[in-house]
Amino acid sequence: QNLGPLFQLWDNVSRGPLSKVRNVEVRQVSPEDAPVVAFVLMDAAEAAKLGDRVSHSLGTLQKVIQGTALSTPDVVAEANALMRAEVPRGWTATWPSAPEDPAVFLQGLAKRIEALKGEWVKRVASR
């Protein structure tokens, strides 16, 4: 029950802003890319991977709570972290400066993905 607002928050951003950039492809970095272009492309790819990981984690956690999936030590660890109002470690591995509050983390991740895949990838595609 404590996790309901987090599930709802991620569901809302997934169906809203993130749905608009879901199909945006982030191309691979090439040796000819300028450093700033390479940075944007790598950051966009990492943010998208993290978004997928968070979606999978929250989806699995919901299924465990509903009794339609089995729990694992990783799921338990993530649930415990979220119930302590902490961001699970696995989520912050590629984003060390991430917000510490789970709700702020989810909002920030959504904004990051939306900005990188929606605006920045398009900008660097023309370079």
Protein backbone atom coordinates (compact mmCIF):
# COMPACT_ATOMS: atom_id res chain seq x y z
CA GLN A 1 0.00 0.00 0.00
CA ASN A 2 2.89 2.35 0.72
CA LEU A 3 4.15 1.79 -2.80
CA GLY A 4 0.86 2.59 -4.53
CA PRO A 5 1.69 6.27 -5.13
CA LEU A 6 5.03 5.31 -6.74
CA PHE A 7 3.33 2.78 -9.01
CA GLN A 8 0.76 5.40 -9.96
CA LEU A 9 3.38 8.08 -10.57
CA TRP A 10 5.46 5.87 -12.89
CA ASP A 11 2.33 4.66 -14.67
CA ASN A 12 1.24 8.26 -15.26
CA VAL A 13 4.56 9.39 -16.72
CA SER A 14 4.89 6.18 -18.75
CA ARG A 15 1.48 6.72 -20.35
CA GLY A 16 1.99 10.47 -20.70
CA PRO A 17 5.29 12.16 -21.52
CA LEU A 18 7.33 8.98 -21.97
CA SER A 19 4.86 7.45 -24.40
CA LYS A 20 5.68 10.27 -26.83
CA VAL A 21 9.37 9.33 -26.98
CA ARG A 22 9.09 5.56 -26.51
CA ASN A 23 9.76 4.81 -30.19
CA VAL A 24 12.56 7.33 -30.64
CA GLU A 25 15.67 5.37 -31.57
CA VAL A 26 19.01 6.46 -30.15
CA ARG A 27 21.72 5.66 -32.65
CA GLN A 28 25.09 4.26 -31.71
CA VAL A 29 27.97 6.64 -31.18
CA SER A 30 30.38 6.69 -34.10
CA PRO A 31 34.08 7.66 -34.06
CA GLU A 32 33.27 10.70 -36.20
CA ASP A 33 30.88 12.15 -33.62
CA ALA A 34 31.90 15.32 -31.83
CA PRO A 35 32.37 14.80 -28.08
CA VAL A 36 29.15 16.64 -27.19
CA VAL A 37 27.16 14.54 -29.68
CA ALA A 38 28.67 11.34 -28.27
CA PHE A 39 27.83 12.48 -24.74
CA VAL A 40 24.18 13.19 -25.61
CA LEU A 41 23.77 9.88 -27.42
CA MET A 42 25.35 7.86 -24.60
CA ASP A 43 23.36 9.71 -21.93
CA ALA A 44 20.11 9.18 -23.85
CA ALA A 45 20.83 5.46 -24.24
CA GLU A 46 21.68 5.06 -20.55
CA ALA A 47 18.59 6.99 -19.45
CA ALA A 48 16.38 4.83 -21.67
CA LYS A 49 17.96 1.64 -20.27
CA LEU A 50 17.41 2.89 -16.74
CA GLY A 51 13.79 3.71 -17.56
CA ASP A 52 13.31 0.17 -18.86
CA ARG A 53 14.91 -1.25 -15.71
CA VAL A 54 12.67 0.84 -13.44
CA SER A 55 9.57 -0.16 -15.43
CA HIS A 56 10.52 -3.82 -15.17
CA SER A 57 11.30 -3.55 -11.45
CA LEU A 58 8.07 -1.77 -10.58
CA GLY A 59 6.04 -4.10 -12.81
CA THR A 60 7.55 -7.17 -11.17
CA LEU A 61 7.02 -5.71 -7.71
CA GLN A 62 3.35 -5.06 -8.51
CA LYS A 63 2.93 -8.65 -9.69
CA VAL A 64 4.52 -9.99 -6.50
CA ILE A 65 2.22 -7.84 -4.38
CA GLN A 66 -0.79 -9.07 -6.39
CA GLY A 67 0.37 -12.66 -6.00
CA THR A 68 0.88 -13.29 -9.72
CA ALA A 69 4.69 -13.55 -9.60
CA LEU A 70 7.23 -15.04 -7.26
CA SER A 71 9.46 -12.92 -5.12
CA THR A 72 13.24 -12.94 -5.42
CA PRO A 73 15.93 -11.46 -3.18
CA ASP A 74 16.34 -8.58 -5.66
CA VAL A 75 12.62 -7.81 -5.57
CA VAL A 76 12.62 -7.91 -1.77
CA ALA A 77 15.65 -5.60 -1.61
CA GLU A 78 14.05 -3.10 -4.01
CA ALA A 79 10.73 -3.21 -2.13
CA ASN A 80 12.47 -2.68 1.21
CA ALA A 81 14.42 0.29 -0.15
CA LEU A 82 11.28 1.88 -1.60
CA MET A 83 9.34 1.35 1.63
CA ARG A 84 12.15 3.11 3.49
CA ALA A 85 11.71 5.99 1.00
CA GLU A 86 15.08 5.20 -0.59
CA VAL A 87 15.96 4.63 -4.23
CA PRO A 88 17.11 1.04 -4.85
CA ARG A 89 20.86 0.77 -5.46
CA GLY A 90 20.41 -0.95 -8.80
CA TRP A 91 18.58 2.10 -10.09
CA THR A 92 21.35 4.54 -9.23
CA ALA A 93 24.31 2.57 -10.60
CA THR A 94 24.39 4.57 -13.84
CA TRP A 95 23.08 7.80 -12.30
CA PRO A 96 25.21 8.47 -9.20
CA SER A 97 23.90 12.02 -8.74
CA ALA A 98 20.27 10.85 -8.83
CA PRO A 99 17.75 12.22 -6.33
CA GLU A 100 17.49 10.15 -3.16
CA ASP A 101 13.71 10.33 -2.77
CA PRO A 102 11.99 7.68 -4.94
CA ALA A 103 9.18 9.96 -6.15
CA VAL A 104 11.62 12.73 -7.06
CA PHE A 105 13.86 10.11 -8.71
CA LEU A 106 10.98 8.81 -10.88
CA GLN A 107 9.93 12.33 -11.89
CA GLY A 108 13.54 13.30 -12.63
CA LEU A 109 14.17 10.15 -14.65
CA ALA A 110 11.05 10.74 -16.69
CA LYS A 111 12.06 14.34 -17.40
CA ARG A 112 15.58 13.23 -18.28
CA ILE A 113 14.36 10.58 -20.74
CA GLU A 114 11.82 12.95 -22.25
CA ALA A 115 14.38 15.74 -22.73
CA LEU A 116 17.15 13.53 -24.08
CA LYS A 117 15.05 11.40 -26.42
CA GLY A 118 12.57 14.12 -27.30
CA GLU A 119 14.78 17.13 -27.85
CA TRP A 120 18.49 16.41 -27.65
CA VAL A 121 18.66 13.29 -29.81
CA LYS A 122 16.87 15.22 -32.57
CA ARG A 123 19.30 18.13 -32.22
CA VAL A 124 22.40 15.98 -32.52
CA ALA A 125 20.94 13.86 -35.33
CA SER A 126 21.41 16.77 -37.69
CA ARG A 127 25.12 17.09 -36.86
